[in-house]
Amino acid sequence: MHSSLLGQGKKILMSIDLDVRQTNIIDTTLLNLTLPDEFHRRPRSIQRCSSWKAQEYRTVILYLCPVILRDVLSADHYGHVLLFVCVIRLLHCDYIIYKQGELADILLKTYENTIGDYYGKKLSTLVLHVHRHFPKEFSLHGSSSSTSCFPLERRIRFFQRDAHGTPKKRRGMHI
């Protein structure tokens, strides 16, 4: 959950350049939505997304992105965000459909190959690379909602620490 929602999902939402009108449209939509009782935390204003909790990102990324971004982003950019949403939903759902992991892998490759068109290099990070392994893990272990990687995610800081510095040092890093 953390690498997808607090990692890549947060970076996506914070990297979208919104003007005041677009921000107001999203906030009005969030405010007027009636959410079922299963959603324990209503997302706060999009302006405060940098301080959202993981549950707020989960609600927005898995369920609300198609609604709140539809009238705000260009059709191409909206479609690109939905690629990520579809990948995470495919890997997070409890039911398994035929070749679900393979479909998620294809969509993720498309998302990765086009990410520079919308965000430049700033979202091509280690967190995005970690997602490359999720479809295989899904095939081996099932839905990410039924397994936990929290013990491994705590160690990512060691890799991030080694990734800073000169490009020469990064080339020698082995993960």
Protein backbone atom coordinates (compact mmCIF):
# COMPACT_ATOMS: atom_id res chain seq x y z
CA MET A 1 0.00 0.00 0.00
CA HIS A 2 2.72 2.45 0.88
CA SER A 3 4.74 2.24 -2.32
CA SER A 4 1.62 2.47 -4.49
CA LEU A 5 -0.48 4.96 -2.60
CA LEU A 6 1.90 7.04 -0.50
CA GLY A 7 4.67 6.63 -3.06
CA GLN A 8 3.58 6.79 -6.69
CA GLY A 9 -0.03 7.85 -6.09
CA LYS A 10 1.01 10.79 -3.95
CA LYS A 11 3.62 11.84 -6.51
CA ILE A 12 1.03 11.75 -9.28
CA LEU A 13 -1.46 13.90 -7.40
CA MET A 14 1.18 16.37 -6.24
CA SER A 15 2.73 16.62 -9.73
CA ILE A 16 -0.47 17.59 -11.52
CA ASP A 17 -0.36 21.32 -12.19
CA LEU A 18 -3.74 22.63 -11.10
CA ASP A 19 -4.93 26.20 -11.31
CA VAL A 20 -7.37 27.69 -8.77
CA ARG A 21 -10.43 26.81 -10.87
CA GLN A 22 -9.38 23.18 -11.24
CA THR A 23 -8.58 22.90 -7.53
CA ASN A 24 -12.02 24.29 -6.70
CA ILE A 25 -13.69 21.81 -9.05
CA ILE A 26 -11.91 18.88 -7.37
CA ASP A 27 -12.59 20.17 -3.84
CA THR A 28 -16.28 20.76 -4.64
CA THR A 29 -16.56 17.25 -6.08
CA LEU A 30 -14.86 15.74 -3.00
CA LEU A 31 -17.12 17.73 -0.68
CA ASN A 32 -20.34 16.77 -2.49
CA LEU A 33 -19.62 13.06 -2.82
CA THR A 34 -21.64 10.75 -0.62
CA LEU A 35 -19.34 7.94 0.41
CA PRO A 36 -20.52 4.58 1.78
CA ASP A 37 -19.77 3.65 5.39
CA GLU A 38 -16.93 1.36 4.23
CA PHE A 39 -14.80 4.46 3.65
CA HIS A 40 -13.49 5.30 7.09
CA ARG A 41 -11.82 8.58 6.18
CA ARG A 42 -13.19 11.23 3.82
CA PRO A 43 -10.37 12.83 1.78
CA ARG A 44 -9.59 16.40 2.71
CA SER A 45 -9.01 19.20 0.21
CA ILE A 46 -6.74 18.37 -2.72
CA GLN A 47 -4.61 21.33 -1.60
CA ARG A 48 -3.72 19.32 1.51
CA CYS A 49 -2.90 16.07 -0.31
CA SER A 50 0.71 16.30 0.87
CA SER A 51 -0.54 15.58 4.41
CA TRP A 52 -3.15 12.95 3.56
CA LYS A 53 -3.09 9.60 5.34
CA ALA A 54 -2.72 6.33 3.42
CA GLN A 55 -6.46 5.66 3.73
CA GLU A 56 -7.24 8.97 2.01
CA TYR A 57 -4.89 8.10 -0.86
CA ARG A 58 -6.43 4.63 -1.05
CA THR A 59 -9.91 6.10 -1.34
CA VAL A 60 -8.86 8.63 -3.98
CA ILE A 61 -6.57 6.40 -6.07
CA LEU A 62 -8.69 3.25 -6.04
CA TYR A 63 -12.14 4.79 -6.21
CA LEU A 64 -12.39 8.56 -6.72
CA CYS A 65 -9.72 9.48 -9.33
CA PRO A 66 -11.99 8.66 -12.28
CA VAL A 67 -14.63 11.00 -10.86
CA ILE A 68 -12.61 13.92 -9.50
CA LEU A 69 -10.13 14.24 -12.37
CA ARG A 70 -12.51 13.66 -15.31
CA ASP A 71 -13.38 17.31 -15.91
CA VAL A 72 -10.00 18.70 -14.85
CA LEU A 73 -7.29 16.99 -16.91
CA SER A 74 -6.86 16.74 -20.66
CA ALA A 75 -8.14 13.47 -22.12
CA ASP A 76 -4.59 12.12 -22.65
CA HIS A 77 -3.39 13.04 -19.17
CA TYR A 78 -6.59 11.68 -17.61
CA GLY A 79 -6.09 8.41 -19.50
CA HIS A 80 -2.51 8.18 -18.27
CA VAL A 81 -3.58 8.59 -14.63
CA LEU A 82 -6.26 5.94 -15.18
CA LEU A 83 -3.59 3.50 -16.39
CA PHE A 84 -2.01 3.67 -12.94
CA VAL A 85 -5.42 3.44 -11.25
CA CYS A 86 -6.29 0.32 -13.29
CA VAL A 87 -2.97 -1.36 -12.48
CA ILE A 88 -3.40 -0.77 -8.75
CA ARG A 89 -7.04 -1.88 -8.81
CA LEU A 90 -6.17 -5.07 -10.72
CA LEU A 91 -3.45 -5.96 -8.24
CA HIS A 92 -5.44 -4.92 -5.18
CA CYS A 93 -8.79 -6.61 -5.79
CA ASP A 94 -9.68 -9.79 -3.94
CA TYR A 95 -11.21 -11.63 -6.88
CA ILE A 96 -9.00 -13.02 -9.61
CA ILE A 97 -9.86 -12.94 -13.29
CA TYR A 98 -8.11 -14.72 -16.14
CA LYS A 99 -4.56 -13.39 -16.75
CA GLN A 100 -5.11 -10.44 -14.40
CA GLY A 101 -1.41 -10.19 -13.52
CA GLU A 102 -0.43 -10.17 -17.21
CA LEU A 103 -2.92 -7.41 -17.97
CA ALA A 104 -1.61 -5.35 -15.04
CA ASP A 105 1.94 -5.86 -16.33
CA ILE A 106 1.02 -4.62 -19.84
CA LEU A 107 -0.76 -1.56 -18.44
CA LEU A 108 2.14 -0.82 -16.10
CA LYS A 109 4.66 -0.97 -18.95
CA THR A 110 2.51 1.45 -20.95
CA TYR A 111 2.28 3.76 -17.94
CA GLU A 112 6.06 3.64 -17.38
CA ASN A 113 6.90 4.23 -21.04
CA THR A 114 4.72 7.34 -21.23
CA ILE A 115 5.32 8.85 -17.79
CA GLY A 116 7.90 11.29 -19.14
CA ASP A 117 5.29 12.84 -21.45
CA TYR A 118 3.30 14.09 -18.46
CA TYR A 119 5.73 14.51 -15.57
CA GLY A 120 9.23 14.50 -17.01
CA LYS A 121 11.80 12.40 -15.20
CA LYS A 122 10.63 13.36 -11.70
CA LEU A 123 8.29 10.36 -11.31
CA SER A 124 10.67 7.74 -12.70
CA THR A 125 11.94 6.65 -9.31
CA LEU A 126 12.78 3.57 -7.29
CA VAL A 127 9.16 3.49 -6.13
CA LEU A 128 8.02 3.16 -9.75
CA HIS A 129 10.61 0.44 -10.32
CA VAL A 130 9.23 -1.51 -7.34
CA HIS A 131 5.88 -1.64 -9.14
CA ARG A 132 7.50 -3.64 -11.96
CA HIS A 133 7.66 -6.60 -9.56
CA PHE A 134 4.04 -6.42 -8.38
CA PRO A 135 2.43 -8.39 -11.25
CA LYS A 136 4.80 -11.32 -10.65
CA GLU A 137 4.16 -11.17 -6.91
CA PHE A 138 0.43 -11.08 -7.65
CA SER A 139 0.79 -14.27 -9.72
CA LEU A 140 2.70 -15.96 -6.90
CA HIS A 141 0.85 -14.70 -3.81
CA GLY A 142 -2.47 -13.21 -4.90
CA SER A 143 -3.95 -9.81 -4.23
CA SER A 144 -1.90 -7.12 -2.53
CA SER A 145 -4.87 -6.50 -0.24
CA SER A 146 -4.39 -9.97 1.25
CA THR A 147 -0.60 -9.85 1.61
CA SER A 148 1.67 -7.37 3.32
CA CYS A 149 5.06 -6.02 2.33
CA PHE A 150 5.38 -3.62 5.24
CA PRO A 151 8.49 -5.36 6.70
CA LEU A 152 10.27 -4.93 3.34
CA GLU A 153 9.07 -1.36 2.80
CA ARG A 154 10.77 -0.30 6.02
CA ARG A 155 14.11 -1.16 4.37
CA ILE A 156 13.59 1.02 1.29
CA ARG A 157 15.20 3.94 3.11
CA PHE A 158 18.54 2.13 2.91
CA PHE A 159 18.26 1.94 -0.89
CA GLN A 160 17.14 5.57 -1.11
CA ARG A 161 20.09 6.68 1.00
CA ASP A 162 22.47 4.95 -1.41
CA ALA A 163 20.73 6.43 -4.46
CA HIS A 164 21.65 10.02 -3.59
CA GLY A 165 24.91 11.49 -4.74
CA THR A 166 26.80 11.41 -7.97
CA PRO A 167 25.58 9.47 -11.02
CA LYS A 168 28.79 7.43 -10.84
CA LYS A 169 27.86 6.24 -7.36
CA ARG A 170 24.32 5.35 -8.52
CA ARG A 171 25.65 3.22 -11.36
CA GLY A 172 27.47 1.05 -8.85
CA MET A 173 24.40 0.49 -6.70
CA HIS A 174 23.07 -3.07 -6.84
CA ILE A 175 19.57 -3.83 -5.66
